[in-house]
Amino acid sequence: MEINDDIIDKLSDLARLKFEGEDRNKIKADLERMIDFIDKLNEIETDGVEPLVYMTEENLEPRKDMVKDELEQNAALKNAPSKDSDYFKVPKVLHK
């Protein structure tokens, strides 16, 4: 597969990015290296190889959901960068 300007334009439009000048050439070279790598992977003989579902053959069981020591309010607020007597203060994120 050849990487041309049309492909780079389409990818940059989809990613909402602009590639100009030297950056465009670098992106083109990177994409060509990626395609070459995929082509190399496609050369590997994988007939008869079962796909992996898990990376280990161990039977891992989820941990039990148990209540442990709770953190007291004063201890939680001790390292807060901003607090108001009993509460954490956070910057306003919603504006009307």
PDB file of N, CA and C in Angstrom:
ATOM      1  N   MET A   1       0.845  -1.179   0.000  1.00  0.00           N
ATOM      2  CA  MET A   1       0.000   0.000   0.000  1.00  0.00           C
ATOM      3  C   MET A   1       0.886   1.236   0.000  1.00  0.00           C
ATOM      4  N   GLU A   2       0.575   2.151  -0.845  1.00  0.00           N
ATOM      5  CA  GLU A   2       1.361   3.378  -0.941  1.00  0.00           C
ATOM      6  C   GLU A   2       0.650   4.500  -0.192  1.00  0.00           C
ATOM      7  N   ILE A   3       1.403   5.210   0.616  1.00  0.00           N
ATOM      8  CA  ILE A   3       0.861   6.346   1.357  1.00  0.00           C
ATOM      9  C   ILE A   3       1.035   7.588   0.493  1.00  0.00           C
ATOM     10  N   ASN A   4      -0.083   8.180   0.109  1.00  0.00           N
ATOM     11  CA  ASN A   4      -0.015   9.393  -0.716  1.00  0.00           C
ATOM     12  C   ASN A   4      -0.671  10.561   0.018  1.00  0.00           C
ATOM     13  N   ASP A   5      -0.669  11.715  -0.626  1.00  0.00           N
ATOM     14  CA  ASP A   5      -1.198  12.928   0.005  1.00  0.00           C
ATOM     15  C   ASP A   5      -2.689  12.820   0.312  1.00  0.00           C
ATOM     16  N   ASP A   6      -3.436  12.093  -0.531  1.00  0.00           N
ATOM     17  CA  ASP A   6      -4.878  11.934  -0.283  1.00  0.00           C
ATOM     18  C   ASP A   6      -5.132  11.182   1.023  1.00  0.00           C
ATOM     19  N   ILE A   7      -4.344  10.139   1.279  1.00  0.00           N
ATOM     20  CA  ILE A   7      -4.504   9.369   2.516  1.00  0.00           C
ATOM     21  C   ILE A   7      -4.153  10.240   3.719  1.00  0.00           C
ATOM     22  N   ILE A   8      -3.080  10.995   3.616  1.00  0.00           N
ATOM     23  CA  ILE A   8      -2.686  11.869   4.727  1.00  0.00           C
ATOM     24  C   ILE A   8      -3.742  12.946   4.955  1.00  0.00           C
ATOM     25  N   ASP A   9      -4.306  13.496   3.898  1.00  0.00           N
ATOM     26  CA  ASP A   9      -5.368  14.491   4.043  1.00  0.00           C
ATOM     27  C   ASP A   9      -6.591  13.898   4.736  1.00  0.00           C
ATOM     28  N   LYS A  10      -6.957  12.682   4.336  1.00  0.00           N
ATOM     29  CA  LYS A  10      -8.128  12.031   4.935  1.00  0.00           C
ATOM     30  C   LYS A  10      -7.877  11.725   6.413  1.00  0.00           C
ATOM     31  N   LEU A  11      -6.699  11.189   6.733  1.00  0.00           N
ATOM     32  CA  LEU A  11      -6.372  10.883   8.131  1.00  0.00           C
ATOM     33  C   LEU A  11      -6.310  12.146   8.981  1.00  0.00           C
ATOM     34  N   SER A  12      -5.725  13.208   8.432  1.00  0.00           N
ATOM     35  CA  SER A  12      -5.630  14.449   9.200  1.00  0.00           C
ATOM     36  C   SER A  12      -7.017  15.042   9.429  1.00  0.00           C
ATOM     37  N   ASP A  13      -7.914  14.894   8.456  1.00  0.00           N
ATOM     38  CA  ASP A  13      -9.281  15.380   8.623  1.00  0.00           C
ATOM     39  C   ASP A  13     -10.013  14.568   9.685  1.00  0.00           C
ATOM     40  N   LEU A  14      -9.858  13.250   9.655  1.00  0.00           N
ATOM     41  CA  LEU A  14     -10.505  12.395  10.651  1.00  0.00           C
ATOM     42  C   LEU A  14      -9.977  12.661  12.052  1.00  0.00           C
ATOM     43  N   ALA A  15      -8.679  12.945  12.170  1.00  0.00           N
ATOM     44  CA  ALA A  15      -8.059  13.191  13.470  1.00  0.00           C
ATOM     45  C   ALA A  15      -8.158  14.655  13.880  1.00  0.00           C
ATOM     46  N   ARG A  16      -8.701  15.489  13.014  1.00  0.00           N
ATOM     47  CA  ARG A  16      -8.800  16.921  13.275  1.00  0.00           C
ATOM     48  C   ARG A  16      -7.422  17.528  13.559  1.00  0.00           C
ATOM     49  N   LEU A  17      -6.442  17.127  12.731  1.00  0.00           N
ATOM     50  CA  LEU A  17      -5.077  17.634  12.845  1.00  0.00           C
ATOM     51  C   LEU A  17      -4.660  18.246  11.521  1.00  0.00           C
ATOM     52  N   LYS A  18      -3.654  19.098  11.576  1.00  0.00           N
ATOM     53  CA  LYS A  18      -3.094  19.673  10.351  1.00  0.00           C
ATOM     54  C   LYS A  18      -1.631  19.268  10.261  1.00  0.00           C
ATOM     55  N   PHE A  19      -1.259  18.723   9.126  1.00  0.00           N
ATOM     56  CA  PHE A  19       0.126  18.355   8.869  1.00  0.00           C
ATOM     57  C   PHE A  19       0.621  19.201   7.710  1.00  0.00           C
ATOM     58  N   GLU A  20       1.644  19.994   7.972  1.00  0.00           N
ATOM     59  CA  GLU A  20       2.187  20.853   6.929  1.00  0.00           C
ATOM     60  C   GLU A  20       3.698  20.751   6.913  1.00  0.00           C
ATOM     61  N   GLY A  21       4.280  20.935   5.761  1.00  0.00           N
ATOM     62  CA  GLY A  21       5.727  21.000   5.604  1.00  0.00           C
ATOM     63  C   GLY A  21       6.431  19.736   6.051  1.00  0.00           C
ATOM     64  N   GLU A  22       7.427  19.907   6.924  1.00  0.00           N
ATOM     65  CA  GLU A  22       8.245  18.787   7.387  1.00  0.00           C
ATOM     66  C   GLU A  22       7.432  17.789   8.200  1.00  0.00           C
ATOM     67  N   ASP A  23       6.441  18.269   8.958  1.00  0.00           N
ATOM     68  CA  ASP A  23       5.593  17.363   9.738  1.00  0.00           C
ATOM     69  C   ASP A  23       4.840  16.399   8.824  1.00  0.00           C
ATOM     70  N   ARG A  24       4.399  16.891   7.688  1.00  0.00           N
ATOM     71  CA  ARG A  24       3.671  16.046   6.730  1.00  0.00           C
ATOM     72  C   ARG A  24       4.588  14.932   6.208  1.00  0.00           C
ATOM     73  N   ASN A  25       5.843  15.278   5.933  1.00  0.00           N
ATOM     74  CA  ASN A  25       6.790  14.272   5.452  1.00  0.00           C
ATOM     75  C   ASN A  25       7.105  13.244   6.534  1.00  0.00           C
ATOM     76  N   LYS A  26       7.212  13.700   7.796  1.00  0.00           N
ATOM     77  CA  LYS A  26       7.478  12.774   8.894  1.00  0.00           C
ATOM     78  C   LYS A  26       6.313  11.811   9.091  1.00  0.00           C
ATOM     79  N   ILE A  27       5.081  12.333   9.030  1.00  0.00           N
ATOM     80  CA  ILE A  27       3.901  11.479   9.182  1.00  0.00           C
ATOM     81  C   ILE A  27       3.846  10.463   8.054  1.00  0.00           C
ATOM     82  N   LYS A  28       4.155  10.892   6.858  1.00  0.00           N
ATOM     83  CA  LYS A  28       4.144   9.991   5.706  1.00  0.00           C
ATOM     84  C   LYS A  28       5.175   8.874   5.893  1.00  0.00           C
ATOM     85  N   ALA A  29       6.367   9.229   6.352  1.00  0.00           N
ATOM     86  CA  ALA A  29       7.407   8.222   6.590  1.00  0.00           C
ATOM     87  C   ALA A  29       6.995   7.264   7.702  1.00  0.00           C
ATOM     88  N   ASP A  30       6.407   7.781   8.772  1.00  0.00           N
ATOM     89  CA  ASP A  30       5.959   6.926   9.872  1.00  0.00           C
ATOM     90  C   ASP A  30       4.873   5.953   9.413  1.00  0.00           C
ATOM     91  N   LEU A  31       3.921   6.447   8.648  1.00  0.00           N
ATOM     92  CA  LEU A  31       2.860   5.576   8.143  1.00  0.00           C
ATOM     93  C   LEU A  31       3.418   4.490   7.228  1.00  0.00           C
ATOM     94  N   GLU A  32       4.382   4.840   6.387  1.00  0.00           N
ATOM     95  CA  GLU A  32       4.996   3.841   5.502  1.00  0.00           C
ATOM     96  C   GLU A  32       5.721   2.771   6.309  1.00  0.00           C
ATOM     97  N   ARG A  33       6.412   3.175   7.395  1.00  0.00           N
ATOM     98  CA  ARG A  33       7.090   2.190   8.259  1.00  0.00           C
ATOM     99  C   ARG A  33       6.073   1.279   8.939  1.00  0.00           C
ATOM    100  N   MET A  34       4.936   1.835   9.356  1.00  0.00           N
ATOM    101  CA  MET A  34       3.890   1.014   9.982  1.00  0.00           C
ATOM    102  C   MET A  34       3.331  -0.011   9.004  1.00  0.00           C
ATOM    103  N   ILE A  35       3.075   0.428   7.789  1.00  0.00           N
ATOM    104  CA  ILE A  35       2.541  -0.487   6.763  1.00  0.00           C
ATOM    105  C   ILE A  35       3.557  -1.576   6.452  1.00  0.00           C
ATOM    106  N   ASP A  36       4.838  -1.221   6.350  1.00  0.00           N
ATOM    107  CA  ASP A  36       5.890  -2.219   6.113  1.00  0.00           C
ATOM    108  C   ASP A  36       5.939  -3.241   7.242  1.00  0.00           C
ATOM    109  N   PHE A  37       5.787  -2.780   8.491  1.00  0.00           N
ATOM    110  CA  PHE A  37       5.804  -3.680   9.636  1.00  0.00           C
ATOM    111  C   PHE A  37       4.621  -4.650   9.582  1.00  0.00           C
ATOM    112  N   ILE A  38       3.450  -4.152   9.245  1.00  0.00           N
ATOM    113  CA  ILE A  38       2.269  -5.012   9.127  1.00  0.00           C
ATOM    114  C   ILE A  38       2.468  -6.031   8.010  1.00  0.00           C
ATOM    115  N   ASP A  39       3.063  -5.604   6.907  1.00  0.00           N
ATOM    116  CA  ASP A  39       3.345  -6.534   5.809  1.00  0.00           C
ATOM    117  C   ASP A  39       4.297  -7.638   6.271  1.00  0.00           C
ATOM    118  N   LYS A  40       5.292  -7.293   7.078  1.00  0.00           N
ATOM    119  CA  LYS A  40       6.210  -8.297   7.617  1.00  0.00           C
ATOM    120  C   LYS A  40       5.475  -9.280   8.514  1.00  0.00           C
ATOM    121  N   LEU A  41       4.570  -8.763   9.356  1.00  0.00           N
ATOM    122  CA  LEU A  41       3.788  -9.642  10.223  1.00  0.00           C
ATOM    123  C   LEU A  41       2.906 -10.586   9.412  1.00  0.00           C
ATOM    124  N   ASN A  42       2.409 -10.117   8.287  1.00  0.00           N
ATOM    125  CA  ASN A  42       1.561 -10.964   7.444  1.00  0.00           C
ATOM    126  C   ASN A  42       2.345 -12.097   6.793  1.00  0.00           C
ATOM    127  N   GLU A  43       3.678 -11.991   6.734  1.00  0.00           N
ATOM    128  CA  GLU A  43       4.502 -13.052   6.160  1.00  0.00           C
ATOM    129  C   GLU A  43       4.656 -14.247   7.102  1.00  0.00           C
ATOM    130  N   ILE A  44       4.372 -14.047   8.376  1.00  0.00           N
ATOM    131  CA  ILE A  44       4.556 -15.110   9.362  1.00  0.00           C
ATOM    132  C   ILE A  44       3.487 -16.182   9.179  1.00  0.00           C
ATOM    133  N   GLU A  45       3.915 -17.443   9.217  1.00  0.00           N
ATOM    134  CA  GLU A  45       3.005 -18.577   9.069  1.00  0.00           C
ATOM    135  C   GLU A  45       2.256 -18.796  10.384  1.00  0.00           C
ATOM    136  N   THR A  46       0.951 -18.617  10.372  1.00  0.00           N
ATOM    137  CA  THR A  46       0.159 -18.772  11.598  1.00  0.00           C
ATOM    138  C   THR A  46      -0.919 -19.847  11.476  1.00  0.00           C
ATOM    139  N   ASP A  47      -0.850 -20.668  10.428  1.00  0.00           N
ATOM    140  CA  ASP A  47      -1.834 -21.742  10.284  1.00  0.00           C
ATOM    141  C   ASP A  47      -1.701 -22.714  11.445  1.00  0.00           C
ATOM    142  N   GLY A  48      -2.808 -23.063  12.050  1.00  0.00           N
ATOM    143  CA  GLY A  48      -2.805 -24.020  13.145  1.00  0.00           C
ATOM    144  C   GLY A  48      -2.490 -23.416  14.502  1.00  0.00           C
ATOM    145  N   VAL A  49      -2.242 -22.127  14.565  1.00  0.00           N
ATOM    146  CA  VAL A  49      -1.955 -21.477  15.840  1.00  0.00           C
ATOM    147  C   VAL A  49      -3.272 -20.943  16.401  1.00  0.00           C
ATOM    148  N   GLU A  50      -3.613 -21.420  17.598  1.00  0.00           N
ATOM    149  CA  GLU A  50      -4.852 -20.985  18.234  1.00  0.00           C
ATOM    150  C   GLU A  50      -4.683 -19.569  18.795  1.00  0.00           C
ATOM    151  N   PRO A  51      -5.686 -18.730  18.639  1.00  0.00           N
ATOM    152  CA  PRO A  51      -5.588 -17.386  19.213  1.00  0.00           C
ATOM    153  C   PRO A  51      -5.614 -17.453  20.731  1.00  0.00           C
ATOM    154  N   LEU A  52      -4.905 -16.516  21.353  1.00  0.00           N
ATOM    155  CA  LEU A  52      -4.870 -16.452  22.806  1.00  0.00           C
ATOM    156  C   LEU A  52      -6.090 -15.695  23.326  1.00  0.00           C
ATOM    157  N   VAL A  53      -6.680 -16.253  24.357  1.00  0.00           N
ATOM    158  CA  VAL A  53      -7.747 -15.542  25.047  1.00  0.00           C
ATOM    159  C   VAL A  53      -7.163 -14.900  26.295  1.00  0.00           C
ATOM    160  N   TYR A  54      -6.294 -15.659  26.980  1.00  0.00           N
ATOM    161  CA  TYR A  54      -5.623 -15.169  28.175  1.00  0.00           C
ATOM    162  C   TYR A  54      -4.127 -15.375  27.996  1.00  0.00           C
ATOM    163  N   MET A  55      -3.342 -14.545  28.629  1.00  0.00           N
ATOM    164  CA  MET A  55      -1.893 -14.661  28.518  1.00  0.00           C
ATOM    165  C   MET A  55      -1.321 -15.714  29.445  1.00  0.00           C
ATOM    166  N   THR A  56      -2.122 -16.240  30.357  1.00  0.00           N
ATOM    167  CA  THR A  56      -1.654 -17.244  31.284  1.00  0.00           C
ATOM    168  C   THR A  56      -2.665 -18.379  31.349  1.00  0.00           C
ATOM    169  N   GLU A  57      -2.199 -19.545  31.723  1.00  0.00           N
ATOM    170  CA  GLU A  57      -3.114 -20.676  31.834  1.00  0.00           C
ATOM    171  C   GLU A  57      -3.650 -20.821  33.251  1.00  0.00           C
ATOM    172  N   GLU A  58      -3.227 -19.943  34.149  1.00  0.00           N
ATOM    173  CA  GLU A  58      -3.726 -19.969  35.518  1.00  0.00           C
ATOM    174  C   GLU A  58      -5.203 -19.608  35.542  1.00  0.00           C
ATOM    175  N   ASN A  59      -5.905 -20.198  36.498  1.00  0.00           N
ATOM    176  CA  ASN A  59      -7.306 -19.866  36.689  1.00  0.00           C
ATOM    177  C   ASN A  59      -7.375 -18.777  37.749  1.00  0.00           C
ATOM    178  N   LEU A  60      -7.511 -17.548  37.326  1.00  0.00           N
ATOM    179  CA  LEU A  60      -7.520 -16.417  38.247  1.00  0.00           C
ATOM    180  C   LEU A  60      -8.950 -16.129  38.689  1.00  0.00           C
ATOM    181  N   GLU A  61      -9.134 -16.050  39.987  1.00  0.00           N
ATOM    182  CA  GLU A  61     -10.446 -15.739  40.514  1.00  0.00           C
ATOM    183  C   GLU A  61     -10.444 -14.315  41.052  1.00  0.00           C
ATOM    184  N   PRO A  62     -11.541 -13.605  40.875  1.00  0.00           N
ATOM    185  CA  PRO A  62     -11.586 -12.247  41.397  1.00  0.00           C
ATOM    186  C   PRO A  62     -11.541 -12.258  42.924  1.00  0.00           C
ATOM    187  N   ARG A  63     -10.972 -11.206  43.476  1.00  0.00           N
ATOM    188  CA  ARG A  63     -10.879 -11.122  44.932  1.00  0.00           C
ATOM    189  C   ARG A  63     -12.263 -10.901  45.523  1.00  0.00           C
ATOM    190  N   LYS A  64     -12.402 -11.270  46.764  1.00  0.00           N
ATOM    191  CA  LYS A  64     -13.661 -11.057  47.472  1.00  0.00           C
ATOM    192  C   LYS A  64     -13.837  -9.563  47.739  1.00  0.00           C
ATOM    193  N   ASP A  65     -15.053  -9.099  47.638  1.00  0.00           N
ATOM    194  CA  ASP A  65     -15.358  -7.704  47.902  1.00  0.00           C
ATOM    195  C   ASP A  65     -15.650  -7.564  49.388  1.00  0.00           C
ATOM    196  N   MET A  66     -14.636  -7.116  50.128  1.00  0.00           N
ATOM    197  CA  MET A  66     -14.771  -7.029  51.573  1.00  0.00           C
ATOM    198  C   MET A  66     -14.550  -5.593  52.034  1.00  0.00           C
ATOM    199  N   VAL A  67     -15.308  -5.188  53.042  1.00  0.00           N
ATOM    200  CA  VAL A  67     -15.141  -3.860  53.617  1.00  0.00           C
ATOM    201  C   VAL A  67     -13.925  -3.893  54.519  1.00  0.00           C
ATOM    202  N   LYS A  68     -13.058  -2.908  54.366  1.00  0.00           N
ATOM    203  CA  LYS A  68     -11.862  -2.808  55.190  1.00  0.00           C
ATOM    204  C   LYS A  68     -11.924  -1.507  55.980  1.00  0.00           C
ATOM    205  N   ASP A  69     -10.837  -1.181  56.650  1.00  0.00           N
ATOM    206  CA  ASP A  69     -10.796   0.046  57.436  1.00  0.00           C
ATOM    207  C   ASP A  69     -11.186   1.237  56.581  1.00  0.00           C
ATOM    208  N   GLU A  70     -12.044   2.054  57.130  1.00  0.00           N
ATOM    209  CA  GLU A  70     -12.474   3.245  56.417  1.00  0.00           C
ATOM    210  C   GLU A  70     -11.545   4.405  56.749  1.00  0.00           C
ATOM    211  N   LEU A  71     -11.453   5.326  55.848  1.00  0.00           N
ATOM    212  CA  LEU A  71     -10.643   6.525  56.040  1.00  0.00           C
ATOM    213  C   LEU A  71     -11.501   7.573  56.736  1.00  0.00           C
ATOM    214  N   GLU A  72     -11.019   8.096  57.851  1.00  0.00           N
ATOM    215  CA  GLU A  72     -11.778   9.102  58.570  1.00  0.00           C
ATOM    216  C   GLU A  72     -11.739  10.429  57.822  1.00  0.00           C
ATOM    217  N   GLN A  73     -12.755  11.234  58.043  1.00  0.00           N
ATOM    218  CA  GLN A  73     -12.895  12.495  57.322  1.00  0.00           C
ATOM    219  C   GLN A  73     -11.685  13.406  57.545  1.00  0.00           C
ATOM    220  N   ASN A  74     -11.222  13.531  58.752  1.00  0.00           N
ATOM    221  CA  ASN A  74     -10.075  14.410  59.021  1.00  0.00           C
ATOM    222  C   ASN A  74      -8.824  13.923  58.303  1.00  0.00           C
ATOM    223  N   ALA A  75      -8.627  12.624  58.263  1.00  0.00           N
ATOM    224  CA  ALA A  75      -7.456  12.072  57.579  1.00  0.00           C
ATOM    225  C   ALA A  75      -7.553  12.304  56.078  1.00  0.00           C
ATOM    226  N   ALA A  76      -8.754  12.193  55.523  1.00  0.00           N
ATOM    227  CA  ALA A  76      -8.944  12.415  54.090  1.00  0.00           C
ATOM    228  C   ALA A  76      -8.700  13.872  53.725  1.00  0.00           C
ATOM    229  N   LEU A  77      -9.135  14.777  54.572  1.00  0.00           N
ATOM    230  CA  LEU A  77      -8.989  16.206  54.290  1.00  0.00           C
ATOM    231  C   LEU A  77      -7.605  16.742  54.619  1.00  0.00           C
ATOM    232  N   LYS A  78      -6.811  15.968  55.357  1.00  0.00           N
ATOM    233  CA  LYS A  78      -5.518  16.448  55.827  1.00  0.00           C
ATOM    234  C   LYS A  78      -4.604  16.908  54.683  1.00  0.00           C
ATOM    235  N   ASN A  79      -4.555  16.176  53.583  1.00  0.00           N
ATOM    236  CA  ASN A  79      -3.657  16.508  52.470  1.00  0.00           C
ATOM    237  C   ASN A  79      -4.363  17.178  51.298  1.00  0.00           C
ATOM    238  N   ALA A  80      -5.596  17.578  51.498  1.00  0.00           N
ATOM    239  CA  ALA A  80      -6.344  18.213  50.406  1.00  0.00           C
ATOM    240  C   ALA A  80      -5.745  19.582  50.092  1.00  0.00           C
ATOM    241  N   PRO A  81      -5.553  19.905  48.819  1.00  0.00           N
ATOM    242  CA  PRO A  81      -5.006  21.213  48.466  1.00  0.00           C
ATOM    243  C   PRO A  81      -5.961  22.351  48.807  1.00  0.00           C
ATOM    244  N   SER A  82      -7.253  22.065  48.770  1.00  0.00           N
ATOM    245  CA  SER A  82      -8.239  23.088  49.095  1.00  0.00           C
ATOM    246  C   SER A  82      -9.414  22.400  49.779  1.00  0.00           C
ATOM    247  N   LYS A  83      -9.819  22.937  50.958  1.00  0.00           N
ATOM    248  CA  LYS A  83     -10.923  22.320  51.693  1.00  0.00           C
ATOM    249  C   LYS A  83     -11.726  23.404  52.389  1.00  0.00           C
ATOM    250  N   ASP A  84     -12.944  23.054  52.763  1.00  0.00           N
ATOM    251  CA  ASP A  84     -13.834  23.961  53.472  1.00  0.00           C
ATOM    252  C   ASP A  84     -14.423  23.178  54.639  1.00  0.00           C
ATOM    253  N   SER A  85     -13.934  23.355  55.790  1.00  0.00           N
ATOM    254  CA  SER A  85     -14.284  22.661  57.034  1.00  0.00           C
ATOM    255  C   SER A  85     -14.481  21.157  56.853  1.00  0.00           C
ATOM    256  N   ASP A  86     -15.576  20.724  56.241  1.00  0.00           N
ATOM    257  CA  ASP A  86     -15.871  19.294  56.139  1.00  0.00           C
ATOM    258  C   ASP A  86     -15.810  18.753  54.710  1.00  0.00           C
ATOM    259  N   TYR A  87     -15.461  19.572  53.716  1.00  0.00           N
ATOM    260  CA  TYR A  87     -15.574  19.160  52.314  1.00  0.00           C
ATOM    261  C   TYR A  87     -14.325  19.521  51.523  1.00  0.00           C
ATOM    262  N   PHE A  88     -14.118  18.775  50.431  1.00  0.00           N
ATOM    263  CA  PHE A  88     -13.083  19.121  49.458  1.00  0.00           C
ATOM    264  C   PHE A  88     -13.611  20.267  48.615  1.00  0.00           C
ATOM    265  N   LYS A  89     -12.758  21.221  48.273  1.00  0.00           N
ATOM    266  CA  LYS A  89     -13.136  22.289  47.346  1.00  0.00           C
ATOM    267  C   LYS A  89     -12.471  21.991  46.006  1.00  0.00           C
ATOM    268  N   VAL A  90     -13.269  22.028  44.956  1.00  0.00           N
ATOM    269  CA  VAL A  90     -12.757  21.759  43.612  1.00  0.00           C
ATOM    270  C   VAL A  90     -13.118  22.933  42.712  1.00  0.00           C
ATOM    271  N   PRO A  91     -12.336  23.144  41.653  1.00  0.00           N
ATOM    272  CA  PRO A  91     -12.655  24.242  40.738  1.00  0.00           C
ATOM    273  C   PRO A  91     -13.987  23.994  40.026  1.00  0.00           C
ATOM    274  N   LYS A  92     -14.651  25.071  39.715  1.00  0.00           N
ATOM    275  CA  LYS A  92     -15.923  25.000  38.985  1.00  0.00           C
ATOM    276  C   LYS A  92     -15.654  24.496  37.570  1.00  0.00           C
ATOM    277  N   VAL A  93     -16.410  23.490  37.133  1.00  0.00           N
ATOM    278  CA  VAL A  93     -16.195  22.941  35.797  1.00  0.00           C
ATOM    279  C   VAL A  93     -17.404  23.181  34.876  1.00  0.00           C
ATOM    280  N   LEU A  94     -18.544  23.456  35.445  1.00  0.00           N
ATOM    281  CA  LEU A  94     -19.733  23.741  34.641  1.00  0.00           C
ATOM    282  C   LEU A  94     -20.049  25.231  34.744  1.00  0.00           C
ATOM    283  N   HIS A  95     -20.215  25.860  33.605  1.00  0.00           N
ATOM    284  CA  HIS A  95     -20.506  27.285  33.578  1.00  0.00           C
ATOM    285  C   HIS A  95     -21.889  27.480  32.952  1.00  0.00           C
ATOM    286  N   LYS A  96     -22.664  28.353  33.504  1.00  0.00           N
ATOM    287  CA  LYS A  96     -24.008  28.605  32.957  1.00  0.00           C
ATOM    288  C   LYS A  96     -23.979  29.723  31.962  1.00  0.00           C
TER     289      LYS A  96
END
